[in-house]
Amino acid sequence: MSTDPKSGASALFALSLLLRGVPEDMPPDERNHDLRRRIGQMVELRGVPLTPAERQRVAECDDPDLLYRWLGRAAFGGGPADVFREEDEDVAGAPVTE
């Protein structure tokens, strides 16, 4: 199986990691750990280089909504700037104006 992030097999694998649900009865600490693990798998699979500070940011995050957002971006976004951008920032970090 090819590990090229643009290959169909890798895209399907990435999508399966993203869509596999976290059990609702899972304790919050375990859920967040699972989400952080998935983010790590996703960036590794896609070859997205994270700095130690970015890895630390993921490791210390306890906000499941933010972790889910980062997971989705890790699966389908560009590089770290896209994964960790604020909601009101474009990929380059500039404020988005309507």
PDB file of N, CA and C in Angstrom:
ATOM      1  N   MET A   1       0.854  -1.185   0.000  1.00  0.00           N
ATOM      2  CA  MET A   1       0.000   0.000   0.000  1.00  0.00           C
ATOM      3  C   MET A   1       0.889   1.233   0.000  1.00  0.00           C
ATOM      4  N   SER A   2       0.565   2.181  -0.834  1.00  0.00           N
ATOM      5  CA  SER A   2       1.340   3.415  -0.935  1.00  0.00           C
ATOM      6  C   SER A   2       1.098   4.306   0.275  1.00  0.00           C
ATOM      7  N   THR A   3       2.156   4.996   0.709  1.00  0.00           N
ATOM      8  CA  THR A   3       2.001   5.943   1.811  1.00  0.00           C
ATOM      9  C   THR A   3       1.962   7.372   1.304  1.00  0.00           C
ATOM     10  N   ASP A   4       1.896   7.540  -0.018  1.00  0.00           N
ATOM     11  CA  ASP A   4       1.773   8.875  -0.603  1.00  0.00           C
ATOM     12  C   ASP A   4       0.447   9.461  -0.149  1.00  0.00           C
ATOM     13  N   PRO A   5       0.471  10.654   0.539  1.00  0.00           N
ATOM     14  CA  PRO A   5      -0.773  11.225   1.055  1.00  0.00           C
ATOM     15  C   PRO A   5      -1.818  11.486  -0.018  1.00  0.00           C
ATOM     16  N   LYS A   6      -1.404  11.547  -1.272  1.00  0.00           N
ATOM     17  CA  LYS A   6      -2.351  11.821  -2.348  1.00  0.00           C
ATOM     18  C   LYS A   6      -2.924  10.542  -2.946  1.00  0.00           C
ATOM     19  N   SER A   7      -2.433   9.378  -2.516  1.00  0.00           N
ATOM     20  CA  SER A   7      -2.932   8.125  -3.065  1.00  0.00           C
ATOM     21  C   SER A   7      -4.316   7.827  -2.521  1.00  0.00           C
ATOM     22  N   GLY A   8      -5.084   7.083  -3.272  1.00  0.00           N
ATOM     23  CA  GLY A   8      -6.428   6.727  -2.851  1.00  0.00           C
ATOM     24  C   GLY A   8      -6.454   5.910  -1.580  1.00  0.00           C
ATOM     25  N   ALA A   9      -5.524   4.957  -1.445  1.00  0.00           N
ATOM     26  CA  ALA A   9      -5.497   4.108  -0.251  1.00  0.00           C
ATOM     27  C   ALA A   9      -5.218   4.931   0.995  1.00  0.00           C
ATOM     28  N   SER A  10      -4.269   5.851   0.921  1.00  0.00           N
ATOM     29  CA  SER A  10      -3.963   6.691   2.081  1.00  0.00           C
ATOM     30  C   SER A  10      -5.120   7.608   2.416  1.00  0.00           C
ATOM     31  N   ALA A  11      -5.782   8.131   1.413  1.00  0.00           N
ATOM     32  CA  ALA A  11      -6.926   9.008   1.651  1.00  0.00           C
ATOM     33  C   ALA A  11      -8.046   8.238   2.344  1.00  0.00           C
ATOM     34  N   LEU A  12      -8.287   7.007   1.920  1.00  0.00           N
ATOM     35  CA  LEU A  12      -9.327   6.191   2.564  1.00  0.00           C
ATOM     36  C   LEU A  12      -8.946   5.857   3.996  1.00  0.00           C
ATOM     37  N   PHE A  13      -7.671   5.555   4.234  1.00  0.00           N
ATOM     38  CA  PHE A  13      -7.216   5.260   5.593  1.00  0.00           C
ATOM     39  C   PHE A  13      -7.384   6.484   6.481  1.00  0.00           C
ATOM     40  N   ALA A  14      -6.991   7.657   5.965  1.00  0.00           N
ATOM     41  CA  ALA A  14      -7.122   8.898   6.730  1.00  0.00           C
ATOM     42  C   ALA A  14      -8.588   9.157   7.065  1.00  0.00           C
ATOM     43  N   LEU A  15      -9.450   8.963   6.095  1.00  0.00           N
ATOM     44  CA  LEU A  15     -10.876   9.186   6.319  1.00  0.00           C
ATOM     45  C   LEU A  15     -11.426   8.203   7.352  1.00  0.00           C
ATOM     46  N   SER A  16     -10.982   6.955   7.318  1.00  0.00           N
ATOM     47  CA  SER A  16     -11.473   5.980   8.293  1.00  0.00           C
ATOM     48  C   SER A  16     -11.034   6.353   9.709  1.00  0.00           C
ATOM     49  N   LEU A  17      -9.808   6.886   9.858  1.00  0.00           N
ATOM     50  CA  LEU A  17      -9.362   7.337  11.179  1.00  0.00           C
ATOM     51  C   LEU A  17     -10.216   8.492  11.680  1.00  0.00           C
ATOM     52  N   LEU A  18     -10.542   9.380  10.783  1.00  0.00           N
ATOM     53  CA  LEU A  18     -11.313  10.558  11.150  1.00  0.00           C
ATOM     54  C   LEU A  18     -12.746  10.198  11.525  1.00  0.00           C
ATOM     55  N   LEU A  19     -13.355   9.306  10.784  1.00  0.00           N
ATOM     56  CA  LEU A  19     -14.771   9.017  10.965  1.00  0.00           C
ATOM     57  C   LEU A  19     -15.062   7.998  12.060  1.00  0.00           C
ATOM     58  N   ARG A  20     -14.056   7.238  12.456  1.00  0.00           N
ATOM     59  CA  ARG A  20     -14.280   6.266  13.521  1.00  0.00           C
ATOM     60  C   ARG A  20     -14.631   7.026  14.790  1.00  0.00           C
ATOM     61  N   GLY A  21     -15.817   6.833  15.257  1.00  0.00           N
ATOM     62  CA  GLY A  21     -16.317   7.620  16.371  1.00  0.00           C
ATOM     63  C   GLY A  21     -15.670   7.287  17.704  1.00  0.00           C
ATOM     64  N   VAL A  22     -15.634   8.275  18.554  1.00  0.00           N
ATOM     65  CA  VAL A  22     -15.198   8.092  19.934  1.00  0.00           C
ATOM     66  C   VAL A  22     -16.446   7.708  20.721  1.00  0.00           C
ATOM     67  N   PRO A  23     -16.403   6.598  21.455  1.00  0.00           N
ATOM     68  CA  PRO A  23     -17.589   6.193  22.219  1.00  0.00           C
ATOM     69  C   PRO A  23     -18.062   7.307  23.160  1.00  0.00           C
ATOM     70  N   GLU A  24     -19.361   7.540  23.156  1.00  0.00           N
ATOM     71  CA  GLU A  24     -19.920   8.619  23.973  1.00  0.00           C
ATOM     72  C   GLU A  24     -19.741   8.378  25.462  1.00  0.00           C
ATOM     73  N   ASP A  25     -19.651   7.111  25.861  1.00  0.00           N
ATOM     74  CA  ASP A  25     -19.513   6.820  27.284  1.00  0.00           C
ATOM     75  C   ASP A  25     -18.045   6.813  27.736  1.00  0.00           C
ATOM     76  N   MET A  26     -17.135   7.159  26.832  1.00  0.00           N
ATOM     77  CA  MET A  26     -15.721   7.198  27.183  1.00  0.00           C
ATOM     78  C   MET A  26     -15.458   8.384  28.113  1.00  0.00           C
ATOM     79  N   PRO A  27     -14.730   8.166  29.205  1.00  0.00           N
ATOM     80  CA  PRO A  27     -14.406   9.280  30.107  1.00  0.00           C
ATOM     81  C   PRO A  27     -13.658  10.391  29.359  1.00  0.00           C
ATOM     82  N   PRO A  28     -13.880  11.643  29.744  1.00  0.00           N
ATOM     83  CA  PRO A  28     -13.267  12.772  29.027  1.00  0.00           C
ATOM     84  C   PRO A  28     -11.747  12.669  28.858  1.00  0.00           C
ATOM     85  N   ASP A  29     -11.043  12.224  29.893  1.00  0.00           N
ATOM     86  CA  ASP A  29      -9.584  12.108  29.766  1.00  0.00           C
ATOM     87  C   ASP A  29      -9.196  11.094  28.696  1.00  0.00           C
ATOM     88  N   GLU A  30      -9.890   9.974  28.662  1.00  0.00           N
ATOM     89  CA  GLU A  30      -9.609   8.947  27.654  1.00  0.00           C
ATOM     90  C   GLU A  30      -9.980   9.436  26.263  1.00  0.00           C
ATOM     91  N   ARG A  31     -11.105  10.130  26.153  1.00  0.00           N
ATOM     92  CA  ARG A  31     -11.550  10.667  24.863  1.00  0.00           C
ATOM     93  C   ARG A  31     -10.515  11.641  24.317  1.00  0.00           C
ATOM     94  N   ASN A  32     -10.060  12.561  25.159  1.00  0.00           N
ATOM     95  CA  ASN A  32      -9.076  13.540  24.708  1.00  0.00           C
ATOM     96  C   ASN A  32      -7.765  12.859  24.333  1.00  0.00           C
ATOM     97  N   HIS A  33      -7.370  11.854  25.106  1.00  0.00           N
ATOM     98  CA  HIS A  33      -6.156  11.099  24.771  1.00  0.00           C
ATOM     99  C   HIS A  33      -6.302  10.448  23.399  1.00  0.00           C
ATOM    100  N   ASP A  34      -7.472   9.852  23.141  1.00  0.00           N
ATOM    101  CA  ASP A  34      -7.729   9.211  21.853  1.00  0.00           C
ATOM    102  C   ASP A  34      -7.669  10.227  20.716  1.00  0.00           C
ATOM    103  N   LEU A  35      -8.266  11.383  20.913  1.00  0.00           N
ATOM    104  CA  LEU A  35      -8.229  12.420  19.875  1.00  0.00           C
ATOM    105  C   LEU A  35      -6.802  12.904  19.619  1.00  0.00           C
ATOM    106  N   ARG A  36      -6.032  13.103  20.692  1.00  0.00           N
ATOM    107  CA  ARG A  36      -4.636  13.531  20.521  1.00  0.00           C
ATOM    108  C   ARG A  36      -3.837  12.469  19.761  1.00  0.00           C
ATOM    109  N   ARG A  37      -4.097  11.204  20.065  1.00  0.00           N
ATOM    110  CA  ARG A  37      -3.422  10.101  19.374  1.00  0.00           C
ATOM    111  C   ARG A  37      -3.777  10.104  17.889  1.00  0.00           C
ATOM    112  N   ARG A  38      -5.037  10.323  17.586  1.00  0.00           N
ATOM    113  CA  ARG A  38      -5.471  10.358  16.183  1.00  0.00           C
ATOM    114  C   ARG A  38      -4.827  11.522  15.429  1.00  0.00           C
ATOM    115  N   ILE A  39      -4.719  12.668  16.074  1.00  0.00           N
ATOM    116  CA  ILE A  39      -4.060  13.814  15.434  1.00  0.00           C
ATOM    117  C   ILE A  39      -2.616  13.444  15.096  1.00  0.00           C
ATOM    118  N   GLY A  40      -1.922  12.815  16.047  1.00  0.00           N
ATOM    119  CA  GLY A  40      -0.545  12.386  15.804  1.00  0.00           C
ATOM    120  C   GLY A  40      -0.446  11.408  14.648  1.00  0.00           C
ATOM    121  N   GLN A  41      -1.374  10.447  14.587  1.00  0.00           N
ATOM    122  CA  GLN A  41      -1.384   9.484  13.486  1.00  0.00           C
ATOM    123  C   GLN A  41      -1.627  10.188  12.154  1.00  0.00           C
ATOM    124  N   MET A  42      -2.551  11.128  12.179  1.00  0.00           N
ATOM    125  CA  MET A  42      -2.923  11.801  10.939  1.00  0.00           C
ATOM    126  C   MET A  42      -1.775  12.639  10.390  1.00  0.00           C
ATOM    127  N   VAL A  43      -1.122  13.418  11.245  1.00  0.00           N
ATOM    128  CA  VAL A  43      -0.023  14.253  10.739  1.00  0.00           C
ATOM    129  C   VAL A  43       1.138  13.378  10.277  1.00  0.00           C
ATOM    130  N   GLU A  44       1.353  12.260  10.961  1.00  0.00           N
ATOM    131  CA  GLU A  44       2.412  11.338  10.535  1.00  0.00           C
ATOM    132  C   GLU A  44       2.071  10.732   9.180  1.00  0.00           C
ATOM    133  N   LEU A  45       0.840  10.278   9.028  1.00  0.00           N
ATOM    134  CA  LEU A  45       0.394   9.681   7.776  1.00  0.00           C
ATOM    135  C   LEU A  45       0.539  10.657   6.615  1.00  0.00           C
ATOM    136  N   ARG A  46       0.177  11.898   6.844  1.00  0.00           N
ATOM    137  CA  ARG A  46       0.216  12.898   5.775  1.00  0.00           C
ATOM    138  C   ARG A  46       1.584  13.537   5.618  1.00  0.00           C
ATOM    139  N   GLY A  47       2.513  13.241   6.520  1.00  0.00           N
ATOM    140  CA  GLY A  47       3.844  13.825   6.411  1.00  0.00           C
ATOM    141  C   GLY A  47       3.870  15.295   6.769  1.00  0.00           C
ATOM    142  N   VAL A  48       2.968  15.717   7.653  1.00  0.00           N
ATOM    143  CA  VAL A  48       2.906  17.109   8.089  1.00  0.00           C
ATOM    144  C   VAL A  48       3.916  17.286   9.221  1.00  0.00           C
ATOM    145  N   PRO A  49       4.966  18.086   9.002  1.00  0.00           N
ATOM    146  CA  PRO A  49       5.976  18.249  10.050  1.00  0.00           C
ATOM    147  C   PRO A  49       5.494  19.192  11.153  1.00  0.00           C
ATOM    148  N   LEU A  50       5.447  18.694  12.376  1.00  0.00           N
ATOM    149  CA  LEU A  50       5.077  19.528  13.513  1.00  0.00           C
ATOM    150  C   LEU A  50       6.324  19.855  14.322  1.00  0.00           C
ATOM    151  N   THR A  51       6.376  21.068  14.815  1.00  0.00           N
ATOM    152  CA  THR A  51       7.472  21.462  15.691  1.00  0.00           C
ATOM    153  C   THR A  51       7.226  20.870  17.071  1.00  0.00           C
ATOM    154  N   PRO A  52       8.251  20.817  17.910  1.00  0.00           N
ATOM    155  CA  PRO A  52       8.021  20.362  19.280  1.00  0.00           C
ATOM    156  C   PRO A  52       6.957  21.198  19.996  1.00  0.00           C
ATOM    157  N   ALA A  53       6.913  22.508  19.735  1.00  0.00           N
ATOM    158  CA  ALA A  53       5.903  23.365  20.371  1.00  0.00           C
ATOM    159  C   ALA A  53       4.496  22.987  19.915  1.00  0.00           C
ATOM    160  N   GLU A  54       4.334  22.641  18.629  1.00  0.00           N
ATOM    161  CA  GLU A  54       3.015  22.234  18.127  1.00  0.00           C
ATOM    162  C   GLU A  54       2.609  20.887  18.719  1.00  0.00           C
ATOM    163  N   ARG A  55       3.554  19.985  18.826  1.00  0.00           N
ATOM    164  CA  ARG A  55       3.259  18.686  19.453  1.00  0.00           C
ATOM    165  C   ARG A  55       2.862  18.876  20.920  1.00  0.00           C
ATOM    166  N   GLN A  56       3.540  19.783  21.602  1.00  0.00           N
ATOM    167  CA  GLN A  56       3.220  20.083  22.998  1.00  0.00           C
ATOM    168  C   GLN A  56       1.821  20.688  23.114  1.00  0.00           C
ATOM    169  N   ARG A  57       1.482  21.549  22.160  1.00  0.00           N
ATOM    170  CA  ARG A  57       0.152  22.180  22.145  1.00  0.00           C
ATOM    171  C   ARG A  57      -0.939  21.116  22.058  1.00  0.00           C
ATOM    172  N   VAL A  58      -0.738  20.133  21.195  1.00  0.00           N
ATOM    173  CA  VAL A  58      -1.702  19.038  21.077  1.00  0.00           C
ATOM    174  C   VAL A  58      -1.737  18.237  22.374  1.00  0.00           C
ATOM    175  N   ALA A  59      -0.567  17.916  22.915  1.00  0.00           N
ATOM    176  CA  ALA A  59      -0.473  17.089  24.117  1.00  0.00           C
ATOM    177  C   ALA A  59      -1.154  17.732  25.322  1.00  0.00           C
ATOM    178  N   GLU A  60      -1.160  19.053  25.385  1.00  0.00           N
ATOM    179  CA  GLU A  60      -1.719  19.755  26.536  1.00  0.00           C
ATOM    180  C   GLU A  60      -3.174  20.174  26.357  1.00  0.00           C
ATOM    181  N   CYS A  61      -3.727  19.995  25.171  1.00  0.00           N
ATOM    182  CA  CYS A  61      -5.098  20.450  24.905  1.00  0.00           C
ATOM    183  C   CYS A  61      -6.109  19.499  25.546  1.00  0.00           C
ATOM    184  N   ASP A  62      -7.047  20.066  26.283  1.00  0.00           N
ATOM    185  CA  ASP A  62      -8.127  19.298  26.907  1.00  0.00           C
ATOM    186  C   ASP A  62      -9.500  19.704  26.387  1.00  0.00           C
ATOM    187  N   ASP A  63      -9.544  20.440  25.291  1.00  0.00           N
ATOM    188  CA  ASP A  63     -10.800  20.899  24.704  1.00  0.00           C
ATOM    189  C   ASP A  63     -11.179  19.963  23.556  1.00  0.00           C
ATOM    190  N   PRO A  64     -12.180  19.090  23.758  1.00  0.00           N
ATOM    191  CA  PRO A  64     -12.517  18.125  22.714  1.00  0.00           C
ATOM    192  C   PRO A  64     -12.968  18.776  21.408  1.00  0.00           C
ATOM    193  N   ASP A  65     -13.657  19.897  21.479  1.00  0.00           N
ATOM    194  CA  ASP A  65     -14.080  20.569  20.247  1.00  0.00           C
ATOM    195  C   ASP A  65     -12.868  21.015  19.431  1.00  0.00           C
ATOM    196  N   LEU A  66     -11.883  21.562  20.107  1.00  0.00           N
ATOM    197  CA  LEU A  66     -10.664  22.002  19.428  1.00  0.00           C
ATOM    198  C   LEU A  66      -9.890  20.801  18.895  1.00  0.00           C
ATOM    199  N   LEU A  67      -9.827  19.732  19.664  1.00  0.00           N
ATOM    200  CA  LEU A  67      -9.131  18.526  19.197  1.00  0.00           C
ATOM    201  C   LEU A  67      -9.804  17.944  17.953  1.00  0.00           C
ATOM    202  N   TYR A  68     -11.145  17.896  17.938  1.00  0.00           N
ATOM    203  CA  TYR A  68     -11.857  17.425  16.746  1.00  0.00           C
ATOM    204  C   TYR A  68     -11.562  18.330  15.550  1.00  0.00           C
ATOM    205  N   ARG A  69     -11.541  19.635  15.773  1.00  0.00           N
ATOM    206  CA  ARG A  69     -11.253  20.592  14.697  1.00  0.00           C
ATOM    207  C   ARG A  69      -9.858  20.345  14.139  1.00  0.00           C
ATOM    208  N   TRP A  70      -8.877  20.196  15.039  1.00  0.00           N
ATOM    209  CA  TRP A  70      -7.509  19.943  14.590  1.00  0.00           C
ATOM    210  C   TRP A  70      -7.412  18.614  13.843  1.00  0.00           C
ATOM    211  N   LEU A  71      -8.145  17.598  14.294  1.00  0.00           N
ATOM    212  CA  LEU A  71      -8.116  16.307  13.624  1.00  0.00           C
ATOM    213  C   LEU A  71      -8.626  16.433  12.189  1.00  0.00           C
ATOM    214  N   GLY A  72      -9.745  17.126  12.016  1.00  0.00           N
ATOM    215  CA  GLY A  72     -10.273  17.328  10.674  1.00  0.00           C
ATOM    216  C   GLY A  72      -9.310  18.082   9.786  1.00  0.00           C
ATOM    217  N   ARG A  73      -8.698  19.103  10.332  1.00  0.00           N
ATOM    218  CA  ARG A  73      -7.731  19.882   9.559  1.00  0.00           C
ATOM    219  C   ARG A  73      -6.475  19.071   9.265  1.00  0.00           C
ATOM    220  N   ALA A  74      -6.052  18.232  10.219  1.00  0.00           N
ATOM    221  CA  ALA A  74      -4.877  17.386   9.999  1.00  0.00           C
ATOM    222  C   ALA A  74      -5.135  16.407   8.858  1.00  0.00           C
ATOM    223  N   ALA A  75      -6.385  15.953   8.735  1.00  0.00           N
ATOM    224  CA  ALA A  75      -6.734  14.998   7.687  1.00  0.00           C
ATOM    225  C   ALA A  75      -6.821  15.652   6.317  1.00  0.00           C
ATOM    226  N   PHE A  76      -7.364  16.849   6.257  1.00  0.00           N
ATOM    227  CA  PHE A  76      -7.684  17.426   4.958  1.00  0.00           C
ATOM    228  C   PHE A  76      -7.045  18.779   4.690  1.00  0.00           C
ATOM    229  N   GLY A  77      -6.361  19.339   5.676  1.00  0.00           N
ATOM    230  CA  GLY A  77      -5.767  20.655   5.506  1.00  0.00           C
ATOM    231  C   GLY A  77      -4.383  20.587   4.899  1.00  0.00           C
ATOM    232  N   GLY A  78      -3.719  21.712   4.935  1.00  0.00           N
ATOM    233  CA  GLY A  78      -2.360  21.796   4.422  1.00  0.00           C
ATOM    234  C   GLY A  78      -1.367  21.447   5.511  1.00  0.00           C
ATOM    235  N   GLY A  79      -0.517  22.399   5.834  1.00  0.00           N
ATOM    236  CA  GLY A  79       0.512  22.185   6.839  1.00  0.00           C
ATOM    237  C   GLY A  79       0.046  22.634   8.210  1.00  0.00           C
ATOM    238  N   PRO A  80       0.987  22.738   9.137  1.00  0.00           N
ATOM    239  CA  PRO A  80       0.651  23.115  10.514  1.00  0.00           C
ATOM    240  C   PRO A  80      -0.073  24.459  10.623  1.00  0.00           C
ATOM    241  N   ALA A  81       0.252  25.417   9.746  1.00  0.00           N
ATOM    242  CA  ALA A  81      -0.428  26.719   9.817  1.00  0.00           C
ATOM    243  C   ALA A  81      -1.923  26.557   9.594  1.00  0.00           C
ATOM    244  N   ASP A  82      -2.300  25.608   8.747  1.00  0.00           N
ATOM    245  CA  ASP A  82      -3.721  25.363   8.489  1.00  0.00           C
ATOM    246  C   ASP A  82      -4.352  24.577   9.635  1.00  0.00           C
ATOM    247  N   VAL A  83      -3.643  23.599  10.170  1.00  0.00           N
ATOM    248  CA  VAL A  83      -4.178  22.768  11.256  1.00  0.00           C
ATOM    249  C   VAL A  83      -4.480  23.614  12.490  1.00  0.00           C
ATOM    250  N   PHE A  84      -3.555  24.513  12.851  1.00  0.00           N
ATOM    251  CA  PHE A  84      -3.666  25.234  14.119  1.00  0.00           C
ATOM    252  C   PHE A  84      -4.163  26.670  13.997  1.00  0.00           C
ATOM    253  N   ARG A  85      -4.637  27.067  12.830  1.00  0.00           N
ATOM    254  CA  ARG A  85      -5.105  28.454  12.675  1.00  0.00           C
ATOM    255  C   ARG A  85      -6.334  28.711  13.539  1.00  0.00           C
ATOM    256  N   GLU A  86      -6.494  29.959  13.905  1.00  0.00           N
ATOM    257  CA  GLU A  86      -7.686  30.364  14.658  1.00  0.00           C
ATOM    258  C   GLU A  86      -8.874  30.349  13.701  1.00  0.00           C
ATOM    259  N   GLU A  87     -10.065  30.244  14.231  1.00  0.00           N
ATOM    260  CA  GLU A  87     -11.273  30.213  13.395  1.00  0.00           C
ATOM    261  C   GLU A  87     -11.384  31.422  12.476  1.00  0.00           C
ATOM    262  N   ASP A  88     -10.970  32.574  12.964  1.00  0.00           N
ATOM    263  CA  ASP A  88     -11.135  33.795  12.183  1.00  0.00           C
ATOM    264  C   ASP A  88      -9.846  34.192  11.460  1.00  0.00           C
ATOM    265  N   GLU A  89      -8.974  33.211  11.183  1.00  0.00           N
ATOM    266  CA  GLU A  89      -7.755  33.463  10.435  1.00  0.00           C
ATOM    267  C   GLU A  89      -7.758  32.634   9.167  1.00  0.00           C
ATOM    268  N   ASP A  90      -7.143  33.185   8.117  1.00  0.00           N
ATOM    269  CA  ASP A  90      -6.954  32.370   6.929  1.00  0.00           C
ATOM    270  C   ASP A  90      -5.723  31.499   7.162  1.00  0.00           C
ATOM    271  N   VAL A  91      -5.354  30.703   6.186  1.00  0.00           N
ATOM    272  CA  VAL A  91      -4.253  29.767   6.343  1.00  0.00           C
ATOM    273  C   VAL A  91      -2.950  30.489   6.671  1.00  0.00           C
ATOM    274  N   ALA A  92      -2.749  31.693   6.179  1.00  0.00           N
ATOM    275  CA  ALA A  92      -1.513  32.442   6.433  1.00  0.00           C
ATOM    276  C   ALA A  92      -1.520  33.136   7.784  1.00  0.00           C
ATOM    277  N   GLY A  93      -2.637  33.074   8.513  1.00  0.00           N
ATOM    278  CA  GLY A  93      -2.711  33.690   9.836  1.00  0.00           C
ATOM    279  C   GLY A  93      -3.259  35.101   9.820  1.00  0.00           C
ATOM    280  N   ALA A  94      -3.653  35.591   8.663  1.00  0.00           N
ATOM    281  CA  ALA A  94      -4.222  36.928   8.568  1.00  0.00           C
ATOM    282  C   ALA A  94      -5.698  36.885   8.949  1.00  0.00           C
ATOM    283  N   PRO A  95      -6.199  37.930   9.600  1.00  0.00           N
ATOM    284  CA  PRO A  95      -7.629  37.954   9.950  1.00  0.00           C
ATOM    285  C   PRO A  95      -8.503  37.864   8.706  1.00  0.00           C
ATOM    286  N   VAL A  96      -9.571  37.101   8.804  1.00  0.00           N
ATOM    287  CA  VAL A  96     -10.517  36.963   7.692  1.00  0.00           C
ATOM    288  C   VAL A  96     -11.532  38.091   7.813  1.00  0.00           C
ATOM    289  N   THR A  97     -11.727  38.817   6.721  1.00  0.00           N
ATOM    290  CA  THR A  97     -12.726  39.882   6.707  1.00  0.00           C
ATOM    291  C   THR A  97     -13.850  39.468   5.784  1.00  0.00           C
ATOM    292  N   GLU A  98     -15.041  39.793   6.173  1.00  0.00           N
ATOM    293  CA  GLU A  98     -16.228  39.437   5.388  1.00  0.00           C
ATOM    294  C   GLU A  98     -16.442  40.405   4.275  1.00  0.00           C
TER     295      GLU A  98
END
